[in-house]
Amino acid sequence: MDAAASSALGWLCAGVTALFGVTALCRASRNPLGIAKGLLWSLLAALLGLLCVPGLGAAVGLGVFVLGSLVCCAFLGDRDLLPVGDRAVLITGLWGLVNNAGILGFPADGELLPMSTYRHCMEVNFFGAVQVSKTFLPLLRKSRGRLVNMSSMAGGIPLPRYAAYGASKAALSMFSGVMRQELSKWGIKVAAIHPSGFRTGIQGTAEQWDEQEQELLASLAAETRSAYGEEYLLGLRSYLVQLPSHCAPDLSPVLAAVLHALLATRPHGLYTPGKGAYIPLFIFCCFPLWFYDFFISKVLGAGSAPGQPRMAGGENQKL
């Protein structure tokens, strides 16, 4: 082959090498976790382009270069962590399902909450997640994908004023654990996330507070209303007003937990994002219950709302 042909072939290999490298980097940029892999295979392709033609001759070198590029393309596919164009969808099914819908209800003593609050929390926080999961499990099975349920710290430990909300989230956490065991035979990985307090607006609006407070007061029996006292009942709303100030505005720990649950090769079964979120769970599991109750009463200030429920005889009782 004359010098002109060799030169043209060399330029062709160089052009294909550059095109392959740019394509690899563009694909990697859509998946931050795959940037290192993309750079590695791009470098290997570039080395093939530089070494094949001079070292093996024009014809043989071009053949080896084409074969090497095909191998690089095969291994460049995003097989470890899935995202395709920032979408969690596979051609063969659905890769990830995140059940994040939730309502808080009106935080109050469990005795005071109307049954409609319990039903509403269960419908949205538990039954809704179960129904959505059952709907999409056939697609998750095809892709051996991920199921992520957004529970709550209140779903793993008992917290005052969260009887309805905590019960619904505890049901969701148990559902997640059972699904993790049952779906493992299909390669589906299930995770539950128990975040601490974050400022998400789940407490609702002032209009919703008015409606929930009126419903709560209207449902109370006269004896119950007398036992707790009007001052205590009217002071329950102050907890909702103060709640955002005790919650973290930065949601990145929760988002990082969801991302890891969806994309990690070996995701955890339980995540506890948030500063110190694991501490109450650890105390609840490892210490006597009386110590946990004492700890929670001091940390959350249970019963510190204006006015305390009155015991028989007129004495005040700390919750």
Protein backbone atom coordinates (compact mmCIF):
# COMPACT_ATOMS: atom_id res chain seq x y z
CA MET A 1 0.00 0.00 0.00
CA ASP A 2 1.47 3.38 -1.01
CA ALA A 3 2.24 6.19 1.40
CA ALA A 4 -0.82 8.21 0.41
CA ALA A 5 -3.17 5.32 1.15
CA SER A 6 -1.46 4.64 4.48
CA SER A 7 -1.73 8.29 5.41
CA ALA A 8 -5.44 8.37 4.52
CA LEU A 9 -6.02 5.19 6.50
CA GLY A 10 -4.19 6.67 9.46
CA TRP A 11 -6.35 9.77 9.37
CA LEU A 12 -9.45 7.57 9.15
CA CYS A 13 -8.40 5.63 12.27
CA ALA A 14 -7.63 8.86 14.09
CA GLY A 15 -11.04 10.25 13.18
CA VAL A 16 -12.88 7.12 14.27
CA THR A 17 -10.89 7.11 17.52
CA ALA A 18 -11.87 10.71 18.24
CA LEU A 19 -15.52 10.02 17.42
CA PHE A 20 -15.56 6.96 19.66
CA GLY A 21 -13.94 8.87 22.53
CA VAL A 22 -16.44 11.76 22.29
CA THR A 23 -19.36 9.30 22.19
CA ALA A 24 -18.06 7.44 25.23
CA LEU A 25 -17.62 10.63 27.23
CA CYS A 26 -21.11 11.87 26.28
CA ARG A 27 -22.64 8.62 27.48
CA ALA A 28 -20.65 8.72 30.70
CA SER A 29 -21.65 12.33 31.39
CA ARG A 30 -25.29 11.25 31.56
CA ASN A 31 -24.38 8.90 34.40
CA PRO A 32 -22.02 10.52 36.96
CA LEU A 33 -21.29 7.12 38.48
CA GLY A 34 -20.03 5.86 35.09
CA ILE A 35 -17.61 8.68 34.27
CA ALA A 36 -14.55 6.73 35.43
CA LYS A 37 -15.55 3.70 33.38
CA GLY A 38 -16.19 5.85 30.33
CA LEU A 39 -12.80 7.50 30.62
CA LEU A 40 -11.10 4.11 30.97
CA TRP A 41 -12.65 2.63 27.84
CA SER A 42 -12.10 5.85 25.89
CA LEU A 43 -8.42 5.70 26.80
CA LEU A 44 -8.18 2.08 25.69
CA ALA A 45 -9.80 2.93 22.37
CA ALA A 46 -7.41 5.82 21.85
CA LEU A 47 -4.42 3.57 22.56
CA LEU A 48 -5.71 1.05 20.05
CA GLY A 49 -5.97 3.77 17.44
CA LEU A 50 -2.42 4.94 18.09
CA LEU A 51 -0.76 1.55 18.21
CA CYS A 52 -2.62 -0.71 15.79
CA VAL A 53 -1.83 0.92 12.45
CA PRO A 54 1.89 1.68 13.02
CA GLY A 55 2.57 -1.58 14.83
CA LEU A 56 0.62 -4.07 12.72
CA GLY A 57 0.38 -2.44 9.35
CA ALA A 58 -2.54 -0.71 7.70
CA ALA A 59 -4.89 -3.61 6.92
CA VAL A 60 -4.29 -5.78 10.01
CA GLY A 61 -4.10 -2.74 12.26
CA LEU A 62 -7.45 -1.43 11.04
CA GLY A 63 -9.07 -4.82 11.65
CA VAL A 64 -7.72 -5.03 15.19
CA PHE A 65 -8.81 -1.47 15.87
CA VAL A 66 -12.38 -2.13 14.70
CA LEU A 67 -12.56 -5.32 16.77
CA GLY A 68 -11.22 -3.53 19.85
CA SER A 69 -13.74 -0.71 19.43
CA LEU A 70 -16.60 -3.21 19.29
CA VAL A 71 -15.37 -4.86 22.50
CA CYS A 72 -15.11 -1.46 24.20
CA CYS A 73 -18.67 -0.62 23.14
CA ALA A 74 -19.91 -3.90 24.55
CA PHE A 75 -18.36 -3.27 27.96
CA LEU A 76 -19.28 0.42 27.99
CA GLY A 77 -22.96 -0.41 28.46
CA ASP A 78 -24.35 0.73 31.80
CA ARG A 79 -24.80 -2.66 33.40
CA ASP A 80 -23.73 -1.98 36.95
CA LEU A 81 -25.88 1.06 37.77
CA LEU A 82 -28.67 1.54 35.34
CA PRO A 83 -29.59 5.17 34.49
CA VAL A 84 -30.22 5.70 30.80
CA GLY A 85 -30.41 9.39 30.10
CA ASP A 86 -31.29 10.03 33.76
CA ARG A 87 -34.31 7.74 33.41
CA ALA A 88 -34.78 4.65 35.53
CA VAL A 89 -36.40 2.64 32.74
CA LEU A 90 -35.07 -0.46 31.02
CA ILE A 91 -36.18 -1.73 27.66
CA THR A 92 -37.14 -4.96 29.39
CA GLY A 93 -39.13 -3.39 32.23
CA LEU A 94 -39.07 -0.87 35.04
CA TRP A 95 -35.85 -0.54 36.98
CA GLY A 96 -36.88 1.49 40.01
CA LEU A 97 -40.08 2.33 41.88
CA VAL A 98 -40.06 4.88 44.71
CA ASN A 99 -43.17 5.14 46.88
CA ASN A 100 -42.84 8.63 48.32
CA ALA A 101 -46.44 9.81 48.79
CA GLY A 102 -47.36 10.53 52.39
CA ILE A 103 -49.52 12.63 54.68
CA LEU A 104 -48.96 13.59 58.31
CA GLY A 105 -52.43 14.29 59.59
CA PHE A 106 -52.99 16.34 62.74
CA PRO A 107 -50.35 15.45 65.38
CA ALA A 108 -52.21 14.80 68.61
CA ASP A 109 -52.63 12.18 71.29
CA GLY A 110 -53.85 8.89 69.89
CA GLU A 111 -56.99 9.00 72.00
CA LEU A 112 -57.94 12.37 70.54
CA LEU A 113 -57.51 11.56 66.86
CA PRO A 114 -60.74 10.76 65.00
CA MET A 115 -60.93 7.43 63.20
CA SER A 116 -60.99 9.27 59.87
CA THR A 117 -57.40 10.39 60.50
CA TYR A 118 -56.27 6.81 61.08
CA ARG A 119 -58.04 5.65 57.92
CA HIS A 120 -56.70 8.52 55.81
CA CYS A 121 -53.10 7.89 56.92
CA MET A 122 -53.41 4.19 56.23
CA GLU A 123 -54.98 4.76 52.81
CA VAL A 124 -52.24 7.10 51.58
CA ASN A 125 -49.14 6.00 53.49
CA PHE A 126 -49.69 2.24 53.41
CA PHE A 127 -52.46 0.98 51.12
CA GLY A 128 -51.45 3.40 48.36
CA ALA A 129 -47.84 2.19 48.42
CA VAL A 130 -48.94 -1.45 48.47
CA GLN A 131 -51.28 -0.95 45.51
CA VAL A 132 -48.64 0.87 43.43
CA SER A 133 -46.04 -1.78 44.28
CA LYS A 134 -48.35 -4.63 43.27
CA THR A 135 -49.13 -2.86 40.00
CA PHE A 136 -45.51 -2.46 38.93
CA LEU A 137 -43.93 -5.60 40.39
CA PRO A 138 -44.26 -7.54 37.09
CA LEU A 139 -42.10 -4.90 35.39
CA LEU A 140 -39.61 -4.88 38.28
CA ARG A 141 -39.38 -8.65 38.02
CA LYS A 142 -38.40 -8.43 34.34
CA SER A 143 -35.54 -6.03 35.05
CA ARG A 144 -34.55 -7.46 38.47
CA GLY A 145 -35.01 -3.89 39.65
CA ARG A 146 -35.47 -1.91 42.86
CA LEU A 147 -38.40 -1.09 45.13
CA VAL A 148 -37.84 1.84 47.51
CA ASN A 149 -40.42 2.80 50.14
CA MET A 150 -40.22 6.13 51.93
CA SER A 151 -41.18 5.30 55.49
CA SER A 152 -40.27 7.43 58.49
CA MET A 153 -38.38 7.41 61.75
CA ALA A 154 -41.89 7.22 63.27
CA GLY A 155 -42.33 3.91 61.45
CA GLY A 156 -39.54 2.27 63.41
CA ILE A 157 -39.98 3.74 66.88
CA PRO A 158 -43.00 5.01 68.84
CA LEU A 159 -43.23 8.79 68.95
CA PRO A 160 -45.82 10.83 70.90
CA ARG A 161 -48.52 12.55 68.81
CA TYR A 162 -47.87 10.27 65.83
CA ALA A 163 -50.20 7.35 66.54
CA ALA A 164 -51.95 7.45 63.15
CA TYR A 165 -48.95 8.52 61.08
CA GLY A 166 -46.53 6.19 62.89
CA ALA A 167 -48.85 3.19 62.60
CA SER A 168 -49.20 3.67 58.84
CA LYS A 169 -45.44 4.07 58.37
CA ALA A 170 -44.74 1.06 60.61
CA ALA A 171 -47.02 -0.98 58.37
CA LEU A 172 -45.10 0.26 55.33
CA SER A 173 -41.77 -0.65 56.95
CA MET A 174 -42.99 -4.16 57.73
CA PHE A 175 -44.31 -4.52 54.19
CA SER A 176 -40.89 -3.47 52.88
CA GLY A 177 -39.11 -6.05 55.02
CA VAL A 178 -41.39 -8.87 53.94
CA MET A 179 -41.12 -7.87 50.27
CA ARG A 180 -37.33 -7.76 50.59
CA GLN A 181 -37.35 -11.39 51.69
CA GLU A 182 -39.99 -12.64 49.25
CA LEU A 183 -38.79 -10.84 46.11
CA SER A 184 -35.10 -11.69 46.51
CA LYS A 185 -35.59 -14.91 44.53
CA TRP A 186 -36.22 -12.75 41.45
CA GLY A 187 -33.29 -10.48 42.14
CA ILE A 188 -35.50 -7.54 43.18
CA LYS A 189 -33.94 -5.50 45.96
CA VAL A 190 -36.25 -3.68 48.38
CA ALA A 191 -35.24 -0.81 50.67
CA ALA A 192 -37.05 1.19 53.34
CA ILE A 193 -35.94 4.73 54.14
CA HIS A 194 -36.48 6.08 57.67
CA PRO A 195 -35.54 9.77 57.50
CA SER A 196 -35.51 12.04 60.50
CA GLY A 197 -37.21 15.45 60.38
CA PHE A 198 -36.89 17.28 57.06
CA ARG A 199 -38.70 20.38 55.88
CA THR A 200 -40.94 18.99 53.15
CA GLY A 201 -44.22 20.77 53.85
CA ILE A 202 -45.90 17.53 54.89
CA GLN A 203 -47.53 19.34 57.84
CA GLY A 204 -49.91 21.03 55.41
CA THR A 205 -51.36 24.52 55.30
CA ALA A 206 -53.20 26.71 57.80
CA GLU A 207 -56.49 25.98 56.05
CA GLN A 208 -55.91 22.25 56.45
CA TRP A 209 -55.03 22.75 60.12
CA ASP A 210 -58.32 24.56 60.70
CA GLU A 211 -60.29 21.75 59.09
CA GLN A 212 -58.42 19.00 60.96
CA GLU A 213 -58.65 20.81 64.30
CA GLN A 214 -62.40 21.30 63.92
CA GLU A 215 -62.86 17.65 62.99
CA LEU A 216 -60.82 16.55 66.01
CA LEU A 217 -62.74 18.76 68.47
CA ALA A 218 -66.10 17.74 67.02
CA SER A 219 -65.32 14.05 67.45
CA LEU A 220 -64.41 14.24 71.15
CA ALA A 221 -66.73 12.92 73.82
CA ALA A 222 -67.53 15.31 76.63
CA GLU A 223 -65.67 13.20 79.20
CA THR A 224 -62.52 13.08 77.03
CA ARG A 225 -62.67 16.79 76.36
CA SER A 226 -62.99 17.49 80.06
CA ALA A 227 -60.12 15.14 80.94
CA TYR A 228 -57.66 16.87 78.61
CA GLY A 229 -58.91 20.42 79.12
CA GLU A 230 -59.63 23.14 76.58
CA GLU A 231 -56.26 24.81 77.01
CA TYR A 232 -54.39 21.64 76.08
CA LEU A 233 -56.67 20.87 73.14
CA LEU A 234 -56.37 24.36 71.68
CA GLY A 235 -52.60 24.27 72.18
CA LEU A 236 -52.12 21.20 69.98
CA ARG A 237 -51.98 23.39 66.90
CA SER A 238 -48.89 25.18 68.17
CA TYR A 239 -46.93 21.96 67.56
CA LEU A 240 -47.67 22.20 63.83
CA VAL A 241 -46.63 25.84 63.77
CA GLN A 242 -43.28 25.07 65.40
CA LEU A 243 -42.61 21.85 63.49
CA PRO A 244 -40.76 23.35 60.46
CA SER A 245 -38.25 25.13 62.68
CA HIS A 246 -37.10 21.76 64.07
CA CYS A 247 -36.69 20.15 60.64
CA ALA A 248 -33.63 20.26 58.38
CA PRO A 249 -34.09 22.29 55.17
CA ASP A 250 -31.42 20.35 53.25
CA LEU A 251 -32.97 17.27 51.63
CA SER A 252 -29.71 15.99 50.12
CA PRO A 253 -29.25 13.17 52.71
CA VAL A 254 -32.63 11.72 51.75
CA LEU A 255 -31.93 12.08 48.03
CA ALA A 256 -28.55 10.41 48.48
CA ALA A 257 -30.21 7.49 50.24
CA VAL A 258 -32.77 7.10 47.44
CA LEU A 259 -30.00 7.29 44.82
CA HIS A 260 -27.95 4.63 46.59
CA ALA A 261 -30.97 2.37 46.99
CA LEU A 262 -31.72 2.63 43.28
CA LEU A 263 -28.24 2.48 41.79
CA ALA A 264 -25.85 0.75 44.19
CA THR A 265 -24.74 -2.76 43.35
CA ARG A 266 -25.51 -3.84 46.92
CA PRO A 267 -28.12 -1.45 48.38
CA HIS A 268 -29.01 -1.50 52.06
CA GLY A 269 -32.32 -2.80 53.29
CA LEU A 270 -32.74 0.17 55.65
CA TYR A 271 -31.55 3.78 55.40
CA THR A 272 -31.72 6.35 58.19
CA PRO A 273 -30.80 9.70 56.58
CA GLY A 274 -30.66 12.75 58.78
CA LYS A 275 -28.48 13.89 61.63
CA GLY A 276 -28.65 11.35 64.45
CA ALA A 277 -31.62 9.52 62.91
CA TYR A 278 -30.20 6.15 63.96
CA ILE A 279 -29.76 7.09 67.63
CA PRO A 280 -33.43 6.78 68.76
CA LEU A 281 -33.73 3.50 66.83
CA PHE A 282 -30.60 2.18 68.49
CA ILE A 283 -31.85 3.17 71.97
CA PHE A 284 -35.27 1.65 71.29
CA CYS A 285 -33.74 -1.67 70.20
CA CYS A 286 -30.92 -1.97 72.73
CA PHE A 287 -32.14 -0.28 75.93
CA PRO A 288 -35.05 -0.94 78.33
CA LEU A 289 -38.31 0.61 77.22
CA TRP A 290 -38.53 2.83 80.29
CA PHE A 291 -35.20 4.40 79.31
CA TYR A 292 -36.36 4.93 75.73
CA ASP A 293 -39.59 6.56 76.92
CA PHE A 294 -37.62 8.86 79.22
CA PHE A 295 -35.20 9.71 76.39
CA ILE A 296 -37.97 10.55 73.91
CA SER A 297 -39.88 12.63 76.45
CA LYS A 298 -36.78 14.77 76.99
CA VAL A 299 -35.77 15.03 73.33
CA LEU A 300 -39.22 15.81 71.92
CA GLY A 301 -40.62 17.56 74.96
CA ALA A 302 -43.73 15.41 74.94
CA GLY A 303 -46.53 17.08 76.79
CA SER A 304 -44.96 20.52 76.60
CA ALA A 305 -47.81 22.08 74.64
CA PRO A 306 -49.58 24.97 76.42
CA GLY A 307 -51.82 23.44 79.05
CA GLN A 308 -51.48 19.87 80.27
CA PRO A 309 -54.23 17.25 80.27
CA ARG A 310 -55.85 17.19 83.66
CA MET A 311 -55.94 14.05 85.79
CA ALA A 312 -58.79 13.26 88.11
CA GLY A 313 -58.45 15.59 91.08
CA GLY A 314 -57.18 18.46 88.94
CA GLU A 315 -53.47 17.48 88.88
CA ASN A 316 -51.45 17.92 85.70
CA GLN A 317 -49.97 14.90 83.99
CA LYS A 318 -46.92 15.01 81.77
CA LEU A 319 -47.35 12.84 78.68
